[in-house]
Amino acid sequence: MAVSLGRREGPLESIKRSHETFDPLRDPAMRPTPFQAYLRIQIGCDKFCTYCIVPMTRGPEQGRPPDQILAEARVLADQGCKEITLIGQTVNSYKFTSGGRTTRLADLLYALHEINGLRRLKFVTNYPKDMTDDLLQSVRDLPKCSPYLHVPAQSGSNEVLARMKRGYTVEDYREMYGRIRAYIPDAAVTSDFIVGFCGETADDFQKTYALVAECRFKNSFIFKYSERPGTKGAELYPDDVPFEVKNRRNNELLELQNRISEQDSQRFLGARLEVLVEGPSDRAKKRGEEQCDIVQLTGRTPCDRIVVFDGNPRLIGEIIPVVIYDVSPHTLFGAVVTQEVGQTLLSVV
C-alpha cells in the first residue's frame, strides 16, 4: 500500500505523486442519480487555512490532466449523464501545464461544453481570489454552464480572516462579488461561514452578519467552529468563544439567511423554469409512492434551486418546464407545463 508523503518529506514532485489519486469512474448506479455525476479535476490544496487539515492530509494542489477529464466526461455522457459537477478543494484555481501550454478552468469548460449529450456543467468549491474574469465570462457565455457559484467567505471580519489565513480581505470579497454581479447579474451565489472562530468578538460577528445581509446569498452553509487536531488554528489560537455564544451566532445568521432566501424565492412565483428531474421526493419515498402513475417528484433548476411537483416517474432524468406557484426559503413548488396557454410565461433561472 502506497504511503502519502508529508509536505516536507521529499522533493515537491515526489510529494505530489504520493498523493496523486483521483476518484474512480462511478457506475451509474453509484452516482447521485444515473444522469448526474461528480468529476474530480483537482486534488490537494495550497491555501493553508488555519482551521483546515486538508493541505496536510491530501498534499499539494494539483490539477488532473485535461485529456483524462474530457475522456471521463465523454464516458459519462455516453452512459446518459446530463449534468456534471466538477469538484476540487478550490476548483477555480485548477491549472495543468504540459508542453508549454497551461489549461485553466475556463479552458476546460469550453472543451467540456462541446461534448454531445451533456446539458449542464457546474463546479464547486471556489476560492474568492481565483474568481477570474475569463472564468466568469465562460459561465456567462456558455449555455451549458449553470449560473451557480459557491464561493465561501467564512467571515465578514478582516481580523478573523487574517487569523484564518484566508488570503483575502472583506474588501477583496466584495470586489469579487461585484464582478460576479456585473458579468452574471442573475447568478445564484452561495457561501460558507464559520461562526465562533478563535477570538471572534461581538463586533466581528456583526460584520459577518452585515456581509450576509449585503450580499443576499441564495444560501449560506453556516458552521460553528470546532478545533481540529493537527491544524495551525489548534496550535496557534485558543478555542475561546463559548459554545452558547457560537450557538446563538449560528442561529442568528441562519435566521437571517432563511429570511433572505425566502424573500429571494418570491421572484420565482409564476416563473417557468427548466428543471432536471432527479427522482421521487423524500415525501413520496416515505409514503412508498415511487411506483404510482403520478408521484411527487423533485429536481433542480440551472441555478441549483430545488423544485418539487407532481408528475409521472417517466419524467425522471429529463429536463422539463415547470411553472412555480408557491415557494419556501429553500424549495420551489410547481406544476409541469403540459401545453402552451394564451399568455407568455416568465422564464427565469
Protein backbone atom coordinates (compact mmCIF):
# COMPACT_ATOMS: atom_id res chain seq x y z
CA MET A 1 0.00 0.00 0.00
CA ALA A 2 1.41 3.41 -1.01
CA VAL A 3 2.04 5.92 1.75
CA SER A 4 1.48 9.62 1.11
CA LEU A 5 4.45 11.82 1.96
CA GLY A 6 4.25 14.77 4.32
CA ARG A 7 4.64 18.33 2.96
CA ARG A 8 8.37 18.37 3.89
CA GLU A 9 9.31 14.73 3.35
CA GLY A 10 10.91 15.00 -0.05
CA PRO A 11 11.04 16.88 -3.36
CA LEU A 12 7.78 18.57 -4.39
CA GLU A 13 7.19 16.27 -7.38
CA SER A 14 7.69 13.16 -5.22
CA ILE A 15 5.23 14.51 -2.65
CA LYS A 16 2.69 15.24 -5.40
CA ARG A 17 3.00 11.76 -6.91
CA SER A 18 2.48 10.16 -3.49
CA HIS A 19 -0.92 11.91 -3.22
CA GLU A 20 -1.97 11.51 -6.85
CA THR A 21 -5.23 9.61 -6.67
CA PHE A 22 -8.44 10.68 -8.36
CA ASP A 23 -11.88 9.28 -7.74
CA PRO A 24 -12.70 6.22 -9.86
CA LEU A 25 -15.29 6.49 -12.61
CA ARG A 26 -18.52 5.56 -10.89
CA ASP A 27 -21.02 3.07 -12.25
CA PRO A 28 -24.32 4.90 -12.93
CA ALA A 29 -25.96 3.09 -10.01
CA MET A 30 -23.32 4.53 -7.63
CA ARG A 31 -23.82 8.16 -8.65
CA PRO A 32 -26.30 10.63 -7.07
CA THR A 33 -28.57 9.71 -9.99
CA PRO A 34 -27.71 7.86 -13.22
CA PHE A 35 -27.83 11.17 -15.11
CA GLN A 36 -25.78 13.30 -12.67
CA ALA A 37 -22.12 12.86 -11.76
CA TYR A 38 -19.26 14.46 -9.87
CA LEU A 39 -15.95 14.62 -11.73
CA ARG A 40 -12.84 15.43 -9.72
CA ILE A 41 -10.45 17.70 -11.58
CA GLN A 42 -8.12 18.66 -8.73
CA ILE A 43 -6.68 17.21 -5.53
CA GLY A 44 -4.79 18.75 -2.66
CA CYS A 45 -4.68 22.35 -1.52
CA ASP A 46 -2.05 25.07 -1.11
CA LYS A 47 -4.17 27.64 0.76
CA PHE A 48 -3.25 26.54 4.32
CA CYS A 49 -6.26 28.00 6.15
CA THR A 50 -5.53 27.63 9.85
CA TYR A 51 -8.76 25.74 10.61
CA CYS A 52 -8.25 23.13 7.85
CA ILE A 53 -6.23 19.90 7.75
CA VAL A 54 -6.64 19.22 4.01
CA PRO A 55 -3.24 20.58 2.86
CA MET A 56 -1.55 18.16 5.26
CA THR A 57 -3.66 15.08 4.52
CA ARG A 58 -4.21 15.49 0.78
CA GLY A 59 -0.94 17.07 -0.24
CA PRO A 60 -0.04 19.84 -2.69
CA GLU A 61 -2.64 21.27 -5.03
CA GLN A 62 -2.50 19.64 -8.44
CA GLY A 63 -4.80 19.61 -11.44
CA ARG A 64 -5.72 16.47 -13.30
CA PRO A 65 -4.62 16.28 -16.97
CA PRO A 66 -7.38 17.76 -19.16
CA ASP A 67 -7.35 14.84 -21.61
CA GLN A 68 -8.23 12.49 -18.73
CA ILE A 69 -11.04 14.80 -17.59
CA LEU A 70 -12.50 15.07 -21.10
CA ALA A 71 -12.24 11.30 -21.68
CA GLU A 72 -14.12 10.59 -18.45
CA ALA A 73 -16.75 13.21 -19.27
CA ARG A 74 -17.35 11.56 -22.68
CA VAL A 75 -17.83 8.19 -20.98
CA LEU A 76 -20.32 9.78 -18.58
CA ALA A 77 -22.21 11.37 -21.45
CA ASP A 78 -22.32 8.04 -23.31
CA GLN A 79 -23.81 6.49 -20.16
CA GLY A 80 -26.64 9.03 -20.24
CA CYS A 81 -25.24 11.58 -17.79
CA LYS A 82 -26.71 15.03 -18.44
CA GLU A 83 -25.17 17.06 -15.62
CA ILE A 84 -21.55 17.04 -14.48
CA THR A 85 -20.27 18.87 -11.42
CA LEU A 86 -16.52 19.46 -11.46
CA ILE A 87 -15.06 19.25 -7.96
CA GLY A 88 -11.87 20.34 -6.24
CA GLN A 89 -10.85 21.83 -2.92
CA THR A 90 -10.51 25.21 -4.65
CA VAL A 91 -11.81 24.21 -8.05
CA ASN A 92 -11.47 27.59 -9.75
CA SER A 93 -7.71 27.56 -9.13
CA TYR A 94 -7.47 24.50 -11.40
CA LYS A 95 -4.35 24.58 -13.55
CA PHE A 96 -2.50 21.99 -15.60
CA THR A 97 0.69 22.75 -17.53
CA SER A 98 2.22 20.44 -20.12
CA GLY A 99 4.33 21.05 -23.20
CA GLY A 100 4.44 24.78 -22.52
CA ARG A 101 0.64 25.06 -22.52
CA THR A 102 -1.42 25.86 -19.41
CA THR A 103 -5.06 24.80 -19.16
CA ARG A 104 -7.26 26.61 -16.64
CA LEU A 105 -10.84 26.04 -15.58
CA ALA A 106 -12.30 28.39 -18.20
CA ASP A 107 -10.46 26.45 -20.95
CA LEU A 108 -11.77 23.20 -19.53
CA LEU A 109 -15.36 24.47 -19.54
CA TYR A 110 -15.14 25.42 -23.22
CA ALA A 111 -13.84 21.94 -24.08
CA LEU A 112 -16.47 20.14 -21.96
CA HIS A 113 -19.20 22.29 -23.50
CA GLU A 114 -18.62 20.58 -26.86
CA ILE A 115 -19.43 17.07 -25.58
CA ASN A 116 -22.68 15.82 -27.05
CA GLY A 117 -25.27 14.70 -24.52
CA LEU A 118 -24.08 16.88 -21.66
CA ARG A 119 -26.67 19.52 -20.81
CA ARG A 120 -25.32 21.17 -17.66
CA LEU A 121 -21.91 21.98 -16.18
CA LYS A 122 -21.32 23.08 -12.58
CA PHE A 123 -18.19 23.42 -10.44
CA VAL A 124 -17.52 23.64 -6.67
CA THR A 125 -15.95 24.87 -4.40
CA ASN A 126 -14.49 28.24 -5.44
CA TYR A 127 -11.80 30.38 -3.81
CA PRO A 128 -12.55 34.14 -3.87
CA LYS A 129 -9.12 35.32 -5.07
CA ASP A 130 -9.16 32.89 -8.01
CA MET A 131 -12.50 34.06 -9.46
CA THR A 132 -11.03 35.42 -12.68
CA ASP A 133 -12.78 37.47 -15.34
CA ASP A 134 -12.21 34.81 -18.02
CA LEU A 135 -13.93 32.22 -15.81
CA LEU A 136 -16.93 34.49 -15.22
CA GLN A 137 -17.10 35.21 -18.95
CA SER A 138 -17.19 31.49 -19.72
CA VAL A 139 -20.08 30.95 -17.29
CA ARG A 140 -21.89 33.89 -18.86
CA ASP A 141 -21.28 32.84 -22.47
CA LEU A 142 -21.60 29.03 -22.40
CA PRO A 143 -25.27 27.93 -22.34
CA LYS A 144 -24.45 24.64 -20.60
CA CYS A 145 -22.69 26.36 -17.68
CA SER A 146 -25.07 26.77 -14.77
CA PRO A 147 -25.09 30.33 -13.36
CA TYR A 148 -24.43 28.94 -9.90
CA LEU A 149 -21.28 29.83 -7.93
CA HIS A 150 -20.41 28.60 -4.44
CA VAL A 151 -17.77 30.98 -3.04
CA PRO A 152 -17.09 30.67 0.71
CA ALA A 153 -16.46 33.94 2.55
CA GLN A 154 -16.08 32.32 6.03
CA SER A 155 -16.19 35.66 7.88
CA GLY A 156 -17.04 39.33 7.37
CA SER A 157 -14.22 40.47 9.67
CA ASN A 158 -10.74 41.19 8.33
CA GLU A 159 -9.24 40.36 11.72
CA VAL A 160 -10.87 36.93 11.76
CA LEU A 161 -9.96 36.30 8.11
CA ALA A 162 -6.33 37.08 8.94
CA ARG A 163 -6.32 34.56 11.82
CA MET A 164 -7.96 32.05 9.49
CA LYS A 165 -5.20 32.84 6.96
CA ARG A 166 -7.76 33.02 4.17
CA GLY A 167 -5.55 35.19 1.98
CA TYR A 168 -8.09 37.92 1.20
CA THR A 169 -9.92 40.77 2.90
CA VAL A 170 -13.62 41.55 3.07
CA GLU A 171 -12.93 44.31 0.55
CA ASP A 172 -11.43 41.70 -1.82
CA TYR A 173 -14.53 39.55 -1.41
CA ARG A 174 -16.85 42.47 -2.13
CA GLU A 175 -14.86 43.35 -5.25
CA MET A 176 -15.12 39.76 -6.48
CA TYR A 177 -18.83 39.64 -5.68
CA GLY A 178 -19.34 42.85 -7.64
CA ARG A 179 -17.66 41.33 -10.68
CA ILE A 180 -19.93 38.27 -10.45
CA ARG A 181 -22.97 40.56 -10.48
CA ALA A 182 -21.52 42.61 -13.37
CA TYR A 183 -20.86 39.57 -15.57
CA ILE A 184 -23.80 37.38 -14.50
CA PRO A 185 -26.48 39.55 -12.85
CA ASP A 186 -28.85 36.65 -12.14
CA ALA A 187 -26.23 34.21 -10.85
CA ALA A 188 -27.11 32.24 -7.74
CA VAL A 189 -24.23 32.76 -5.30
CA THR A 190 -23.89 30.67 -2.15
CA SER A 191 -21.33 30.89 0.63
CA ASP A 192 -19.88 29.24 3.75
CA PHE A 193 -19.40 30.90 7.15
CA ILE A 194 -17.68 29.76 10.34
CA VAL A 195 -19.01 31.42 13.49
CA GLY A 196 -17.14 31.45 16.78
CA PHE A 197 -13.65 31.14 15.31
CA CYS A 198 -10.86 31.83 17.79
CA GLY A 199 -11.02 35.39 19.10
CA GLU A 200 -14.23 36.30 17.28
CA THR A 201 -15.78 39.27 19.08
CA ALA A 202 -19.36 40.51 19.00
CA ASP A 203 -18.21 43.23 16.59
CA ASP A 204 -16.54 40.63 14.32
CA PHE A 205 -19.78 38.68 14.20
CA GLN A 206 -21.83 41.78 13.39
CA LYS A 207 -19.54 42.37 10.40
CA THR A 208 -20.28 38.84 9.19
CA TYR A 209 -24.00 39.42 9.72
CA ALA A 210 -23.74 42.66 7.72
CA LEU A 211 -21.93 40.91 4.84
CA VAL A 212 -24.68 38.28 4.56
CA ALA A 213 -27.34 41.00 4.64
CA GLU A 214 -25.47 42.95 1.95
CA CYS A 215 -24.71 40.09 -0.46
CA ARG A 216 -28.07 38.33 -0.07
CA PHE A 217 -26.73 34.89 -0.91
CA LYS A 218 -29.06 32.26 -2.34
CA ASN A 219 -27.98 30.14 0.61
CA SER A 220 -25.22 30.03 3.20
CA PHE A 221 -23.81 26.97 4.90
CA ILE A 222 -23.10 28.02 8.48
CA PHE A 223 -20.80 26.11 10.82
CA LYS A 224 -19.84 26.51 14.46
CA TYR A 225 -16.06 26.43 14.82
CA SER A 226 -14.62 23.35 16.48
CA GLU A 227 -10.92 22.77 16.98
CA ARG A 228 -9.30 20.19 14.69
CA PRO A 229 -6.12 18.45 15.92
CA GLY A 230 -3.20 18.94 13.56
CA THR A 231 -4.34 22.33 12.27
CA LYS A 232 -2.43 25.58 12.75
CA GLY A 233 -5.52 27.06 14.37
CA ALA A 234 -5.39 24.47 17.14
CA GLU A 235 -1.68 25.15 17.59
CA LEU A 236 -1.76 28.95 17.50
CA TYR A 237 -5.10 30.10 18.95
CA PRO A 238 -7.23 29.10 21.95
CA ASP A 239 -10.79 27.99 21.16
CA ASP A 240 -12.08 30.78 23.37
CA VAL A 241 -15.61 31.52 22.18
CA PRO A 242 -18.10 29.74 24.48
CA PHE A 243 -20.37 27.16 22.90
CA GLU A 244 -23.51 29.07 23.90
CA VAL A 245 -22.19 32.14 22.05
CA LYS A 246 -21.32 30.07 18.97
CA ASN A 247 -24.77 28.53 19.03
CA ARG A 248 -26.52 31.89 19.34
CA ARG A 249 -24.50 33.40 16.50
CA ASN A 250 -25.14 30.34 14.34
CA ASN A 251 -28.89 30.65 14.89
CA GLU A 252 -28.92 34.41 14.26
CA LEU A 253 -27.05 34.06 10.99
CA LEU A 254 -29.18 31.12 9.93
CA GLU A 255 -32.38 33.09 10.65
CA LEU A 256 -31.10 35.99 8.55
CA GLN A 257 -30.15 33.71 5.66
CA ASN A 258 -33.50 31.92 5.75
CA ARG A 259 -35.30 35.26 5.63
CA ILE A 260 -33.20 36.36 2.65
CA SER A 261 -33.73 33.04 0.87
CA GLU A 262 -37.49 33.24 1.31
CA GLN A 263 -37.62 36.81 0.04
CA ASP A 264 -35.46 35.89 -2.95
CA SER A 265 -37.68 32.91 -3.76
CA GLN A 266 -40.71 35.20 -4.14
CA ARG A 267 -39.45 36.43 -7.52
CA PHE A 268 -39.95 32.97 -8.98
CA LEU A 269 -43.71 32.93 -8.43
CA GLY A 270 -45.27 32.44 -11.86
CA ALA A 271 -41.91 31.78 -13.47
CA ARG A 272 -41.32 28.97 -15.93
CA LEU A 273 -38.10 27.12 -15.06
CA GLU A 274 -36.17 24.34 -16.74
CA VAL A 275 -35.88 21.52 -14.20
CA LEU A 276 -33.70 18.41 -14.33
CA VAL A 277 -35.93 15.76 -12.73
CA GLU A 278 -33.88 13.81 -10.17
CA GLY A 279 -36.48 11.38 -8.85
CA PRO A 280 -39.28 10.98 -6.29
CA SER A 281 -39.27 13.49 -3.45
CA ASP A 282 -38.43 12.46 0.11
CA ARG A 283 -42.15 12.64 0.95
CA ALA A 284 -43.01 10.25 -1.88
CA LYS A 285 -40.30 7.83 -0.76
CA LYS A 286 -41.52 7.85 2.85
CA ARG A 287 -45.03 7.05 1.65
CA GLY A 288 -43.85 4.31 -0.70
CA GLU A 289 -45.38 6.07 -3.70
CA GLU A 290 -42.45 5.66 -6.14
CA GLN A 291 -44.40 3.27 -8.42
CA CYS A 292 -47.58 5.34 -8.64
CA ASP A 293 -48.64 6.76 -12.01
CA ILE A 294 -48.42 10.28 -10.56
CA VAL A 295 -45.92 10.96 -7.80
CA GLN A 296 -44.34 13.98 -6.18
CA LEU A 297 -41.01 14.47 -7.98
CA THR A 298 -38.02 16.66 -7.21
CA GLY A 299 -35.47 18.32 -9.46
CA ARG A 300 -33.16 21.30 -9.81
CA THR A 301 -33.01 24.44 -11.89
CA PRO A 302 -29.77 25.57 -13.60
CA CYS A 303 -29.19 27.79 -10.53
CA ASP A 304 -29.40 24.72 -8.26
CA ARG A 305 -32.77 25.61 -6.77
CA ILE A 306 -34.83 22.64 -5.60
CA VAL A 307 -38.27 22.27 -7.22
CA VAL A 308 -40.97 19.76 -6.24
CA PHE A 309 -44.00 18.98 -8.41
CA ASP A 310 -46.37 16.15 -9.30
CA GLY A 311 -45.61 14.09 -12.40
CA ASN A 312 -45.17 10.69 -13.99
CA PRO A 313 -42.00 8.81 -12.96
CA ARG A 314 -41.16 8.54 -16.68
CA LEU A 315 -40.04 12.18 -16.41
CA ILE A 316 -37.07 11.19 -14.22
CA GLY A 317 -33.84 12.09 -15.99
CA GLU A 318 -35.48 14.60 -18.31
CA ILE A 319 -35.18 18.39 -18.35
CA ILE A 320 -38.72 19.77 -18.39
CA PRO A 321 -40.51 23.12 -17.98
CA VAL A 322 -42.18 23.70 -14.62
CA VAL A 323 -44.24 26.75 -13.58
CA ILE A 324 -43.82 27.86 -9.95
CA TYR A 325 -46.96 28.52 -7.87
CA ASP A 326 -45.56 28.56 -4.29
CA VAL A 327 -42.22 28.98 -2.53
CA SER A 328 -40.44 28.41 0.77
CA PRO A 329 -36.92 29.55 1.74
CA HIS A 330 -35.19 26.62 0.05
CA THR A 331 -37.84 24.89 -2.09
CA LEU A 332 -39.97 25.95 -5.04
CA PHE A 333 -43.32 24.25 -5.71
CA GLY A 334 -44.55 23.93 -9.25
CA ALA A 335 -46.61 22.23 -11.91
CA VAL A 336 -45.36 20.61 -15.11
CA VAL A 337 -46.09 22.62 -18.25
CA THR A 338 -48.06 20.26 -20.49
CA GLN A 339 -49.10 22.76 -23.14
CA GLU A 340 -48.68 26.39 -24.03
CA VAL A 341 -51.51 28.66 -22.95
CA GLY A 342 -52.61 32.00 -24.28
CA GLN A 343 -50.14 34.01 -22.23
CA THR A 344 -46.37 34.18 -22.22
CA LEU A 345 -44.86 32.71 -19.09
CA LEU A 346 -41.91 34.44 -17.47
CA SER A 347 -38.68 32.47 -17.87
CA VAL A 348 -36.19 32.78 -15.02
CA VAL A 349 -33.28 30.58 -13.95
